[in-house]
């Protein structure tokens, strides 16, 4: 996993490793998979949204998978995608949802990883599945 030099983010390394372990256990995946986490601001994520998703607004997180989901991954030692996290949203959403910025980082990473593995929330059924996984993964690592 590649990281920037953001000190708050680097301190989360062991919890991110735990998230990855929970994902592999919950979804019966191979023991290892890699992805990049890129920390950006609202302006940058809005440009990415506009250029790649035709959505001209800032969001909290965007994931770009290198394949179409779990079934496409034969060798998880390769990168599975990129997760862009909007730092401007981390503190704002933590305050809004009543939890710590650390938990918000971990939530956004978990959300992004599930997107990289092919999960989505475009309809109520898929949203329930994805959000249930998020809760299960974060339950012990970053409780509300």
C-alpha atoms as a PDB file:
ATOM      1  CA  UNK A   1       0.000   0.000   0.000  1.00  0.00           C
ATOM      2  CA  UNK A   2       1.410   3.401  -0.944  1.00  0.00           C
ATOM      3  CA  UNK A   3       0.958   6.293   1.465  1.00  0.00           C
ATOM      4  CA  UNK A   4       1.653   9.999   1.435  1.00  0.00           C
ATOM      5  CA  UNK A   5       3.590  11.664   4.247  1.00  0.00           C
ATOM      6  CA  UNK A   6       0.474  12.788   6.142  1.00  0.00           C
ATOM      7  CA  UNK A   7       1.323  11.954   9.802  1.00  0.00           C
ATOM      8  CA  UNK A   8      -2.277  11.319  10.830  1.00  0.00           C
ATOM      9  CA  UNK A   9      -2.666   8.891   7.985  1.00  0.00           C
ATOM     10  CA  UNK A  10       0.589   7.037   8.631  1.00  0.00           C
ATOM     11  CA  UNK A  11      -0.463   6.469  12.255  1.00  0.00           C
ATOM     12  CA  UNK A  12      -3.441   4.508  10.914  1.00  0.00           C
ATOM     13  CA  UNK A  13      -1.272   1.896   9.182  1.00  0.00           C
ATOM     14  CA  UNK A  14      -1.964  -0.942  11.652  1.00  0.00           C
ATOM     15  CA  UNK A  15      -5.713  -0.306  11.531  1.00  0.00           C
ATOM     16  CA  UNK A  16      -5.648  -0.289   7.729  1.00  0.00           C
ATOM     17  CA  UNK A  17      -3.876  -3.650   7.872  1.00  0.00           C
ATOM     18  CA  UNK A  18      -6.667  -4.891  10.160  1.00  0.00           C
ATOM     19  CA  UNK A  19      -9.273  -3.631   7.684  1.00  0.00           C
ATOM     20  CA  UNK A  20      -7.540  -5.570   4.912  1.00  0.00           C
ATOM     21  CA  UNK A  21      -7.492  -8.712   7.075  1.00  0.00           C
ATOM     22  CA  UNK A  22     -11.203  -8.353   7.900  1.00  0.00           C
ATOM     23  CA  UNK A  23     -12.002  -7.855   4.209  1.00  0.00           C
ATOM     24  CA  UNK A  24     -10.130 -11.021   3.257  1.00  0.00           C
ATOM     25  CA  UNK A  25     -11.884 -12.979   6.026  1.00  0.00           C
ATOM     26  CA  UNK A  26     -15.369 -11.598   5.380  1.00  0.00           C
ATOM     27  CA  UNK A  27     -15.214 -12.052   1.622  1.00  0.00           C
ATOM     28  CA  UNK A  28     -13.099 -15.239   1.488  1.00  0.00           C
ATOM     29  CA  UNK A  29     -10.338 -13.584  -0.531  1.00  0.00           C
ATOM     30  CA  UNK A  30      -6.679 -14.499  -0.921  1.00  0.00           C
ATOM     31  CA  UNK A  31      -4.567 -13.253   1.956  1.00  0.00           C
ATOM     32  CA  UNK A  32      -3.043 -10.286   0.178  1.00  0.00           C
ATOM     33  CA  UNK A  33      -4.156  -7.462  -2.076  1.00  0.00           C
ATOM     34  CA  UNK A  34      -2.712  -4.020  -2.746  1.00  0.00           C
ATOM     35  CA  UNK A  35      -4.169  -0.629  -3.546  1.00  0.00           C
ATOM     36  CA  UNK A  36      -3.075   2.989  -3.470  1.00  0.00           C
ATOM     37  CA  UNK A  37      -4.584   5.655  -1.245  1.00  0.00           C
ATOM     38  CA  UNK A  38      -4.209   9.197  -2.540  1.00  0.00           C
ATOM     39  CA  UNK A  39      -5.115  12.095  -0.250  1.00  0.00           C
ATOM     40  CA  UNK A  40      -6.482  15.115  -2.108  1.00  0.00           C
ATOM     41  CA  UNK A  41      -8.470  18.301  -1.496  1.00  0.00           C
ATOM     42  CA  UNK A  42     -11.968  19.245  -2.674  1.00  0.00           C
ATOM     43  CA  UNK A  43     -10.720  21.059  -5.759  1.00  0.00           C
ATOM     44  CA  UNK A  44      -8.719  18.059  -6.955  1.00  0.00           C
ATOM     45  CA  UNK A  45     -11.463  15.511  -6.335  1.00  0.00           C
ATOM     46  CA  UNK A  46     -13.964  17.749  -8.138  1.00  0.00           C
ATOM     47  CA  UNK A  47     -11.672  17.794 -11.181  1.00  0.00           C
ATOM     48  CA  UNK A  48     -11.327  14.003 -11.030  1.00  0.00           C
ATOM     49  CA  UNK A  49     -15.112  13.624 -10.710  1.00  0.00           C
ATOM     50  CA  UNK A  50     -15.708  16.001 -13.605  1.00  0.00           C
ATOM     51  CA  UNK A  51     -13.120  14.417 -15.907  1.00  0.00           C
ATOM     52  CA  UNK A  52     -13.795  10.752 -15.183  1.00  0.00           C
ATOM     53  CA  UNK A  53     -17.347  10.535 -13.849  1.00  0.00           C
ATOM     54  CA  UNK A  54     -18.996  13.520 -15.564  1.00  0.00           C
ATOM     55  CA  UNK A  55     -20.014  14.747 -12.092  1.00  0.00           C
ATOM     56  CA  UNK A  56     -18.902  18.339 -11.495  1.00  0.00           C
ATOM     57  CA  UNK A  57     -18.765  18.325  -7.700  1.00  0.00           C
ATOM     58  CA  UNK A  58     -16.535  17.338  -4.813  1.00  0.00           C
ATOM     59  CA  UNK A  59     -17.165  14.050  -3.011  1.00  0.00           C
ATOM     60  CA  UNK A  60     -15.561  12.405   0.012  1.00  0.00           C
ATOM     61  CA  UNK A  61     -14.007   9.407  -1.762  1.00  0.00           C
ATOM     62  CA  UNK A  62     -13.573   8.031  -5.276  1.00  0.00           C
ATOM     63  CA  UNK A  63     -12.300   4.575  -6.189  1.00  0.00           C
ATOM     64  CA  UNK A  64     -10.903   3.448  -9.515  1.00  0.00           C
ATOM     65  CA  UNK A  65     -10.697  -0.338  -9.810  1.00  0.00           C
ATOM     66  CA  UNK A  66      -8.248  -1.910 -12.233  1.00  0.00           C
ATOM     67  CA  UNK A  67     -10.685  -4.799 -12.846  1.00  0.00           C
ATOM     68  CA  UNK A  68     -14.429  -5.388 -12.638  1.00  0.00           C
ATOM     69  CA  UNK A  69     -14.566  -6.838  -9.145  1.00  0.00           C
ATOM     70  CA  UNK A  70     -13.601  -9.877  -7.120  1.00  0.00           C
ATOM     71  CA  UNK A  71     -14.183 -12.424  -9.887  1.00  0.00           C
ATOM     72  CA  UNK A  72     -11.600 -10.697 -12.096  1.00  0.00           C
ATOM     73  CA  UNK A  73      -8.755 -10.996  -9.576  1.00  0.00           C
ATOM     74  CA  UNK A  74      -6.599 -14.060  -9.957  1.00  0.00           C
ATOM     75  CA  UNK A  75      -3.449 -12.693  -8.313  1.00  0.00           C
ATOM     76  CA  UNK A  76      -4.073 -10.268  -5.490  1.00  0.00           C
ATOM     77  CA  UNK A  77      -0.378  -9.423  -5.169  1.00  0.00           C
ATOM     78  CA  UNK A  78      -0.951  -6.898  -7.945  1.00  0.00           C
ATOM     79  CA  UNK A  79      -2.581  -3.522  -7.369  1.00  0.00           C
ATOM     80  CA  UNK A  80      -6.381  -3.673  -7.460  1.00  0.00           C
ATOM     81  CA  UNK A  81      -6.946   0.077  -7.815  1.00  0.00           C
ATOM     82  CA  UNK A  82      -6.710   3.587  -6.410  1.00  0.00           C
ATOM     83  CA  UNK A  83      -8.706   5.252  -3.642  1.00  0.00           C
ATOM     84  CA  UNK A  84      -8.812   9.065  -3.591  1.00  0.00           C
ATOM     85  CA  UNK A  85      -9.806  10.508  -0.199  1.00  0.00           C
ATOM     86  CA  UNK A  86     -10.851  14.144   0.084  1.00  0.00           C
ATOM     87  CA  UNK A  87      -9.088  15.478   3.191  1.00  0.00           C
ATOM     88  CA  UNK A  88     -11.367  18.521   3.271  1.00  0.00           C
ATOM     89  CA  UNK A  89     -14.289  16.182   3.981  1.00  0.00           C
ATOM     90  CA  UNK A  90     -12.667  14.040   6.694  1.00  0.00           C
ATOM     91  CA  UNK A  91     -13.008  16.488   9.613  1.00  0.00           C
ATOM     92  CA  UNK A  92     -16.283  17.914   8.318  1.00  0.00           C
ATOM     93  CA  UNK A  93     -17.946  14.497   8.046  1.00  0.00           C
ATOM     94  CA  UNK A  94     -16.471  13.268  11.331  1.00  0.00           C
ATOM     95  CA  UNK A  95     -18.109  16.214  13.070  1.00  0.00           C
ATOM     96  CA  UNK A  96     -21.350  15.751  11.133  1.00  0.00           C
ATOM     97  CA  UNK A  97     -21.557  12.018  11.958  1.00  0.00           C
ATOM     98  CA  UNK A  98     -20.345  12.375  15.544  1.00  0.00           C
ATOM     99  CA  UNK A  99     -17.141  10.374  15.378  1.00  0.00           C
ATOM    100  CA  UNK A 100     -13.392  11.001  15.170  1.00  0.00           C
ATOM    101  CA  UNK A 101     -11.461  11.994  12.044  1.00  0.00           C
ATOM    102  CA  UNK A 102      -9.551   8.703  12.417  1.00  0.00           C
ATOM    103  CA  UNK A 103     -12.782   6.730  12.166  1.00  0.00           C
ATOM    104  CA  UNK A 104     -13.802   8.765   9.127  1.00  0.00           C
ATOM    105  CA  UNK A 105     -10.493   7.950   7.391  1.00  0.00           C
ATOM    106  CA  UNK A 106     -10.996   4.267   8.154  1.00  0.00           C
ATOM    107  CA  UNK A 107     -14.609   4.371   6.974  1.00  0.00           C
ATOM    108  CA  UNK A 108     -13.623   6.013   3.679  1.00  0.00           C
ATOM    109  CA  UNK A 109     -10.807   3.508   3.142  1.00  0.00           C
ATOM    110  CA  UNK A 110     -13.162   0.590   3.826  1.00  0.00           C
ATOM    111  CA  UNK A 111     -15.780   2.091   1.517  1.00  0.00           C
ATOM    112  CA  UNK A 112     -13.165   2.572  -1.190  1.00  0.00           C
ATOM    113  CA  UNK A 113     -11.781  -0.963  -0.864  1.00  0.00           C
ATOM    114  CA  UNK A 114     -15.252  -2.454  -1.230  1.00  0.00           C
ATOM    115  CA  UNK A 115     -15.770  -0.391  -4.389  1.00  0.00           C
ATOM    116  CA  UNK A 116     -12.440  -1.678  -5.738  1.00  0.00           C
ATOM    117  CA  UNK A 117     -13.681  -5.216  -5.163  1.00  0.00           C
ATOM    118  CA  UNK A 118     -16.854  -4.586  -7.156  1.00  0.00           C
ATOM    119  CA  UNK A 119     -19.349  -3.592  -4.469  1.00  0.00           C
ATOM    120  CA  UNK A 120     -21.654  -0.654  -5.097  1.00  0.00           C
ATOM    121  CA  UNK A 121     -24.665   1.136  -3.647  1.00  0.00           C
ATOM    122  CA  UNK A 122     -26.625   2.130  -6.732  1.00  0.00           C
ATOM    123  CA  UNK A 123     -29.776   0.330  -5.605  1.00  0.00           C
ATOM    124  CA  UNK A 124     -31.220  -0.507  -2.160  1.00  0.00           C
ATOM    125  CA  UNK A 125     -30.293  -4.209  -2.273  1.00  0.00           C
ATOM    126  CA  UNK A 126     -26.643  -3.574  -3.216  1.00  0.00           C
ATOM    127  CA  UNK A 127     -26.445  -0.680  -0.756  1.00  0.00           C
ATOM    128  CA  UNK A 128     -27.560  -2.928   2.107  1.00  0.00           C
ATOM    129  CA  UNK A 129     -24.987  -5.583   1.200  1.00  0.00           C
ATOM    130  CA  UNK A 130     -22.151  -3.059   0.910  1.00  0.00           C
ATOM    131  CA  UNK A 131     -23.065  -1.091   4.027  1.00  0.00           C
ATOM    132  CA  UNK A 132     -23.488  -4.289   6.073  1.00  0.00           C
ATOM    133  CA  UNK A 133     -19.940  -5.304   5.069  1.00  0.00           C
ATOM    134  CA  UNK A 134     -18.671  -1.853   6.055  1.00  0.00           C
ATOM    135  CA  UNK A 135     -20.265  -2.156   9.498  1.00  0.00           C
ATOM    136  CA  UNK A 136     -18.911  -5.674   9.983  1.00  0.00           C
ATOM    137  CA  UNK A 137     -15.388  -4.687   8.936  1.00  0.00           C
ATOM    138  CA  UNK A 138     -15.251  -1.526  11.074  1.00  0.00           C
ATOM    139  CA  UNK A 139     -17.086  -2.920  14.113  1.00  0.00           C
ATOM    140  CA  UNK A 140     -14.008  -3.757  16.212  1.00  0.00           C
ATOM    141  CA  UNK A 141     -11.454  -1.588  14.412  1.00  0.00           C
ATOM    142  CA  UNK A 142     -13.240   1.765  14.476  1.00  0.00           C
ATOM    143  CA  UNK A 143     -16.489   1.559  16.447  1.00  0.00           C
ATOM    144  CA  UNK A 144     -18.922   4.471  16.329  1.00  0.00           C
END
